[in-house]
N, C-alpha and C. Protein backbone atom coordinates (compact mmCIF):
# COMPACT_ATOMS: atom_id res chain seq x y z
N UNK A 1 86.66 220.61 231.81
CA UNK A 1 87.83 220.06 230.76
C UNK A 1 87.98 218.64 231.22
N UNK A 2 88.01 218.28 232.57
CA UNK A 2 88.53 217.16 232.94
C UNK A 2 87.28 216.01 232.64
N UNK A 3 86.20 216.25 232.76
CA UNK A 3 85.18 215.56 232.30
C UNK A 3 84.98 215.25 230.98
N UNK A 4 85.45 216.23 230.03
CA UNK A 4 85.55 216.11 228.72
C UNK A 4 86.83 215.08 228.34
N UNK A 5 87.83 215.13 229.00
CA UNK A 5 89.04 214.17 228.93
C UNK A 5 88.55 212.83 229.27
N UNK A 6 87.73 212.64 230.29
CA UNK A 6 87.49 211.49 230.88
C UNK A 6 86.49 210.81 229.71
N UNK A 7 85.45 211.55 229.39
CA UNK A 7 84.56 211.08 228.17
C UNK A 7 85.40 210.57 226.67
N UNK A 8 86.53 211.48 226.34
CA UNK A 8 87.19 211.13 225.12
C UNK A 8 88.10 209.84 225.59
N UNK A 9 88.76 209.65 226.79
CA UNK A 9 89.49 208.43 227.24
C UNK A 9 88.42 207.28 227.23
N UNK A 10 87.16 207.28 227.71
CA UNK A 10 86.14 206.12 227.43
C UNK A 10 85.84 205.73 225.98
N UNK A 11 85.86 206.73 225.15
CA UNK A 11 85.80 206.43 223.71
C UNK A 11 86.97 205.62 223.27
N UNK A 12 88.10 205.87 223.98
CA UNK A 12 89.29 205.03 223.64
C UNK A 12 89.48 203.68 224.18
N UNK A 13 88.57 203.46 225.19
CA UNK A 13 88.44 202.21 226.10
C UNK A 13 89.55 202.22 227.05
N UNK A 14 89.76 203.72 227.69
CA UNK A 14 90.87 203.89 228.63
C UNK A 14 90.09 204.34 230.03
N UNK A 15 90.04 203.57 230.89
CA UNK A 15 89.20 204.05 232.27
C UNK A 15 90.00 205.03 233.04
N UNK A 16 89.28 205.99 233.39
CA UNK A 16 89.64 207.13 234.02
C UNK A 16 88.67 207.57 235.14
N UNK A 17 89.34 208.21 236.05
CA UNK A 17 88.29 208.77 237.33
C UNK A 17 88.95 210.18 237.51
N UNK A 18 87.91 211.07 237.59
CA UNK A 18 88.06 212.60 237.78
C UNK A 18 87.79 213.11 239.22
N UNK A 19 88.71 213.75 239.77
CA UNK A 19 88.48 214.25 240.89
C UNK A 19 88.69 216.08 240.97
N UNK A 20 88.09 216.60 241.51
CA UNK A 20 87.95 218.16 241.39
C UNK A 20 86.87 218.81 241.01
N UNK A 21 87.18 220.13 240.45
CA UNK A 21 86.13 220.78 239.97
C UNK A 21 86.36 221.31 238.79
N UNK A 22 85.36 222.39 238.28
CA UNK A 22 85.54 222.88 236.98
C UNK A 22 86.86 223.54 236.61
N UNK A 23 87.29 224.30 237.76
CA UNK A 23 88.36 225.03 237.71
C UNK A 23 89.77 224.26 237.75
N UNK A 24 89.96 223.48 238.70
CA UNK A 24 90.96 222.65 238.82
C UNK A 24 90.67 221.14 239.12
N UNK A 25 91.40 220.31 238.51
CA UNK A 25 90.91 218.82 238.37
C UNK A 25 91.79 217.73 237.97
N UNK A 26 91.83 216.47 238.53
CA UNK A 26 92.78 215.65 238.14
C UNK A 26 92.07 214.52 237.40
N UNK A 27 92.41 213.79 236.51
CA UNK A 27 92.28 212.61 236.02
C UNK A 27 93.05 211.57 235.80
N UNK A 28 92.76 210.60 236.83
CA UNK A 28 93.58 209.54 237.14
C UNK A 28 93.41 208.47 236.20
N UNK A 29 94.37 207.82 235.40
CA UNK A 29 94.05 206.65 234.68
C UNK A 29 95.01 205.42 235.05
N UNK A 30 96.09 205.63 235.64
CA UNK A 30 96.74 204.40 235.93
C UNK A 30 97.75 204.89 237.14
N UNK A 31 98.48 204.09 237.85
CA UNK A 31 99.31 204.48 238.85
C UNK A 31 100.45 205.24 238.02
N UNK A 32 100.75 206.24 238.51
CA UNK A 32 101.93 207.23 237.96
C UNK A 32 101.46 207.86 236.81
N UNK A 33 100.35 207.71 236.18
CA UNK A 33 99.53 208.44 235.03
C UNK A 33 98.45 209.19 235.42
N UNK A 34 98.51 210.59 235.84
CA UNK A 34 97.53 211.47 236.14
C UNK A 34 97.78 212.75 235.53
N UNK A 35 96.36 213.15 234.92
CA UNK A 35 96.63 214.27 234.14
C UNK A 35 95.84 215.48 235.01
N UNK A 36 96.36 216.57 234.82
CA UNK A 36 95.91 217.71 235.68
C UNK A 36 95.29 218.76 234.51
N UNK A 37 94.21 219.43 235.05
CA UNK A 37 93.88 220.64 234.31
C UNK A 37 93.42 221.86 235.34
N UNK A 38 93.75 222.99 234.44
CA UNK A 38 93.21 224.04 235.07
C UNK A 38 92.00 224.70 234.38
N UNK A 39 91.40 224.05 233.52
CA UNK A 39 90.24 224.56 232.73
C UNK A 39 90.71 225.18 231.28
N UNK A 40 92.00 225.41 231.28
CA UNK A 40 92.59 225.94 230.25
C UNK A 40 93.40 224.99 229.26
N UNK A 41 94.18 224.04 229.92
CA UNK A 41 94.99 223.26 229.51
C UNK A 41 95.24 221.87 230.05
N UNK A 42 95.87 220.66 229.71
CA UNK A 42 95.82 219.39 230.36
C UNK A 42 97.14 219.12 230.35
N UNK A 43 97.91 218.64 231.34
CA UNK A 43 99.28 218.39 231.49
C UNK A 43 99.60 217.13 232.36
N UNK A 44 100.46 216.39 231.90
CA UNK A 44 100.85 215.10 232.82
C UNK A 44 102.25 214.80 232.66
N UNK A 45 102.82 213.88 233.51
CA UNK A 45 104.20 213.35 233.40
C UNK A 45 104.12 212.22 232.45
N UNK A 46 104.89 212.19 231.39
CA UNK A 46 105.15 211.08 230.36
C UNK A 46 105.75 209.91 231.01
N UNK A 47 105.27 208.80 230.69
CA UNK A 47 106.09 207.62 231.26
C UNK A 47 107.47 207.41 230.88
N UNK A 48 107.74 208.26 229.73
CA UNK A 48 109.01 208.21 228.77
C UNK A 48 109.92 209.36 229.58
N UNK A 49 111.37 209.10 229.46
CA UNK A 49 112.06 210.19 230.15
C UNK A 49 112.40 211.15 229.01
N UNK A 50 112.97 212.39 229.26
CA UNK A 50 113.43 213.27 228.26
C UNK A 50 114.70 212.84 227.50
N UNK A 51 115.33 213.46 226.71
CA UNK A 51 116.51 212.94 225.85
C UNK A 51 117.59 213.03 227.17
N UNK A 52 117.67 213.99 228.28
CA UNK A 52 118.50 214.09 229.02
C UNK A 52 118.34 213.08 230.35
N UNK A 53 117.11 212.24 230.08
CA UNK A 53 117.15 211.45 231.26
C UNK A 53 116.04 211.85 232.33
N UNK A 54 115.65 213.06 232.21
CA UNK A 54 114.79 213.62 233.21
C UNK A 54 113.26 213.57 232.76
N UNK A 55 112.58 213.78 233.99
CA UNK A 55 111.04 213.68 234.07
C UNK A 55 110.75 214.38 232.87
N UNK A 56 109.56 213.98 232.12
CA UNK A 56 109.13 214.74 230.78
C UNK A 56 107.80 215.07 230.98
N UNK A 57 107.46 216.35 231.12
CA UNK A 57 106.28 216.89 231.35
C UNK A 57 105.69 217.23 230.19
N UNK A 58 104.55 216.82 229.73
CA UNK A 58 104.00 217.17 228.51
C UNK A 58 102.29 217.86 228.63
N UNK A 59 101.93 218.38 227.68
CA UNK A 59 100.63 219.00 227.81
C UNK A 59 99.76 219.12 226.39
N UNK A 60 98.58 219.32 226.54
CA UNK A 60 97.75 219.36 225.53
C UNK A 60 96.67 220.54 225.64
N UNK A 61 96.34 221.35 224.45
CA UNK A 61 95.30 222.49 224.98
C UNK A 61 94.03 222.06 224.93
N UNK A 62 93.74 220.84 224.11
CA UNK A 62 92.20 220.38 223.98
C UNK A 62 92.19 218.77 224.42
N UNK A 63 91.02 218.27 224.75
CA UNK A 63 90.77 217.14 225.40
C UNK A 63 90.92 216.00 224.49
N UNK A 64 90.48 216.20 223.23
CA UNK A 64 90.67 214.97 222.31
C UNK A 64 92.24 214.74 221.95
N UNK A 65 93.05 215.76 221.94
CA UNK A 65 94.43 215.49 221.75
C UNK A 65 95.08 215.03 222.96
N UNK A 66 94.67 215.34 223.96
CA UNK A 66 95.32 214.88 225.39
C UNK A 66 94.83 213.40 225.43
N UNK A 67 93.61 213.00 225.10
CA UNK A 67 93.20 211.73 225.21
C UNK A 67 93.94 210.71 224.42
N UNK A 68 94.06 211.23 223.01
CA UNK A 68 94.84 210.37 222.31
C UNK A 68 96.43 209.86 222.84
N UNK A 69 97.03 211.09 223.16
CA UNK A 69 98.38 210.73 223.95
C UNK A 69 98.26 210.00 225.11
N UNK A 70 97.44 210.37 226.02
CA UNK A 70 97.40 209.66 227.36
C UNK A 70 97.13 208.26 227.00
N UNK A 71 96.18 207.85 226.01
CA UNK A 71 95.78 206.60 225.65
C UNK A 71 96.97 205.71 225.51
N UNK A 72 97.86 206.35 224.62
CA UNK A 72 99.19 205.68 224.10
C UNK A 72 100.16 205.40 225.34
N UNK A 73 99.98 206.43 226.32
CA UNK A 73 100.86 206.02 227.58
C UNK A 73 100.50 205.01 228.34
N UNK A 74 98.93 205.20 228.29
CA UNK A 74 98.28 204.17 229.29
C UNK A 74 98.68 202.51 228.65
N UNK A 75 98.73 202.61 227.45
CA UNK A 75 98.68 201.15 226.76
C UNK A 75 100.29 200.76 227.21
N UNK A 76 101.09 201.70 227.17
CA UNK A 76 102.51 201.30 227.53
C UNK A 76 102.66 200.98 228.96
N UNK A 77 102.12 201.76 229.85
CA UNK A 77 102.13 201.37 231.32
C UNK A 77 101.42 199.91 231.81
N UNK A 78 100.33 199.77 231.16
CA UNK A 78 99.82 198.48 231.72
C UNK A 78 100.14 197.49 231.30
N UNK A 79 101.39 197.30 230.17
CA UNK A 79 102.21 196.07 229.79
C UNK A 79 103.30 195.99 230.80
N UNK A 80 103.74 197.13 231.94
CA UNK A 80 104.68 196.89 232.59
C UNK A 80 104.27 196.52 234.04
N UNK A 81 105.10 195.62 234.66
CA UNK A 81 104.85 195.23 236.18
C UNK A 81 104.64 196.46 237.07
N UNK A 82 103.67 196.37 237.90
CA UNK A 82 103.71 197.50 239.05
C UNK A 82 104.72 197.30 240.08
N UNK A 83 105.35 198.39 240.81
CA UNK A 83 106.03 197.68 241.76
C UNK A 83 105.26 197.18 242.96
N UNK A 84 106.05 196.41 243.77
CA UNK A 84 105.38 195.29 244.66
C UNK A 84 104.30 196.18 245.57
N UNK A 85 104.59 197.30 246.11
CA UNK A 85 103.50 197.64 247.05
C UNK A 85 102.29 198.18 246.16
N UNK A 86 102.40 198.60 244.98
CA UNK A 86 101.15 198.82 244.03
C UNK A 86 100.60 197.53 243.58
N UNK A 87 101.23 196.64 243.25
CA UNK A 87 100.62 195.31 243.11
C UNK A 87 99.57 194.89 244.04
N UNK A 88 100.04 194.84 245.27
CA UNK A 88 99.09 194.55 246.48
C UNK A 88 97.93 195.44 246.49
N UNK A 89 98.17 196.62 246.38
CA UNK A 89 97.00 197.64 246.38
C UNK A 89 95.94 197.50 245.04
N UNK A 90 96.68 197.29 243.94
CA UNK A 90 95.74 197.03 242.85
C UNK A 90 94.96 195.69 242.94
N UNK A 91 95.78 194.67 243.42
CA UNK A 91 94.99 193.35 243.75
C UNK A 91 93.83 193.51 244.78
N UNK A 92 94.12 194.20 245.75
CA UNK A 92 93.16 194.54 246.92
C UNK A 92 91.91 195.30 246.15
N UNK A 93 92.19 196.31 245.47
CA UNK A 93 91.06 197.27 244.85
C UNK A 93 90.26 196.37 244.01
N UNK A 94 90.83 195.36 243.47
CA UNK A 94 90.11 194.70 242.36
C UNK A 94 89.72 193.36 242.87
N UNK A 95 90.01 193.09 244.11
CA UNK A 95 89.79 191.71 244.67
C UNK A 95 90.19 190.76 244.12
N UNK A 96 91.40 190.77 243.73
CA UNK A 96 92.09 189.69 243.08
C UNK A 96 92.96 188.82 244.04
N UNK A 97 93.06 187.55 243.81
CA UNK A 97 93.95 186.93 244.78
C UNK A 97 95.23 187.06 244.64
N UNK A 98 96.01 187.30 245.75
CA UNK A 98 97.54 187.40 245.62
C UNK A 98 98.23 186.16 245.41
N UNK A 99 99.46 186.32 245.09
CA UNK A 99 100.13 184.97 244.43
C UNK A 99 100.48 184.13 245.48
N UNK A 100 100.39 184.47 246.71
CA UNK A 100 100.81 183.42 247.69
C UNK A 100 99.69 183.21 248.65
N UNK A 101 98.50 183.50 248.28
CA UNK A 101 97.27 183.47 249.14
C UNK A 101 96.57 182.10 248.78
N UNK A 102 96.64 181.38 249.82
CA UNK A 102 96.09 179.89 249.62
C UNK A 102 94.62 179.87 249.93
N UNK A 103 94.06 181.08 250.38
CA UNK A 103 92.63 181.00 250.55
C UNK A 103 91.91 181.29 249.38
N UNK A 104 92.48 181.69 248.53
CA UNK A 104 91.81 181.81 247.19
C UNK A 104 92.16 180.61 246.16
N UNK A 105 91.14 179.99 245.57
CA UNK A 105 91.43 178.98 244.61
C UNK A 105 92.32 179.45 243.36
């Protein structure tokens, strides 16, 4: 199910990486946006809070539905700045120059 989710996300131009096996797997889209599956359903933590201000966990039974909802969450998150430690990690992973790095043009 995780590979099916990754394929559905790719159709929506959302990069994702799958770790795990057919029984249990995670599909990582962005820092703090990771979907998990047990082969029967897909669940993840929404970037939005519940009405009570708590963490909002959501789920979908099929990969296409999850992909559409996750893509919407992804598009919200990529517009927000990452916390400083993650900014440096992402810059390192993508080989981007840091803001105060004089070695890069």
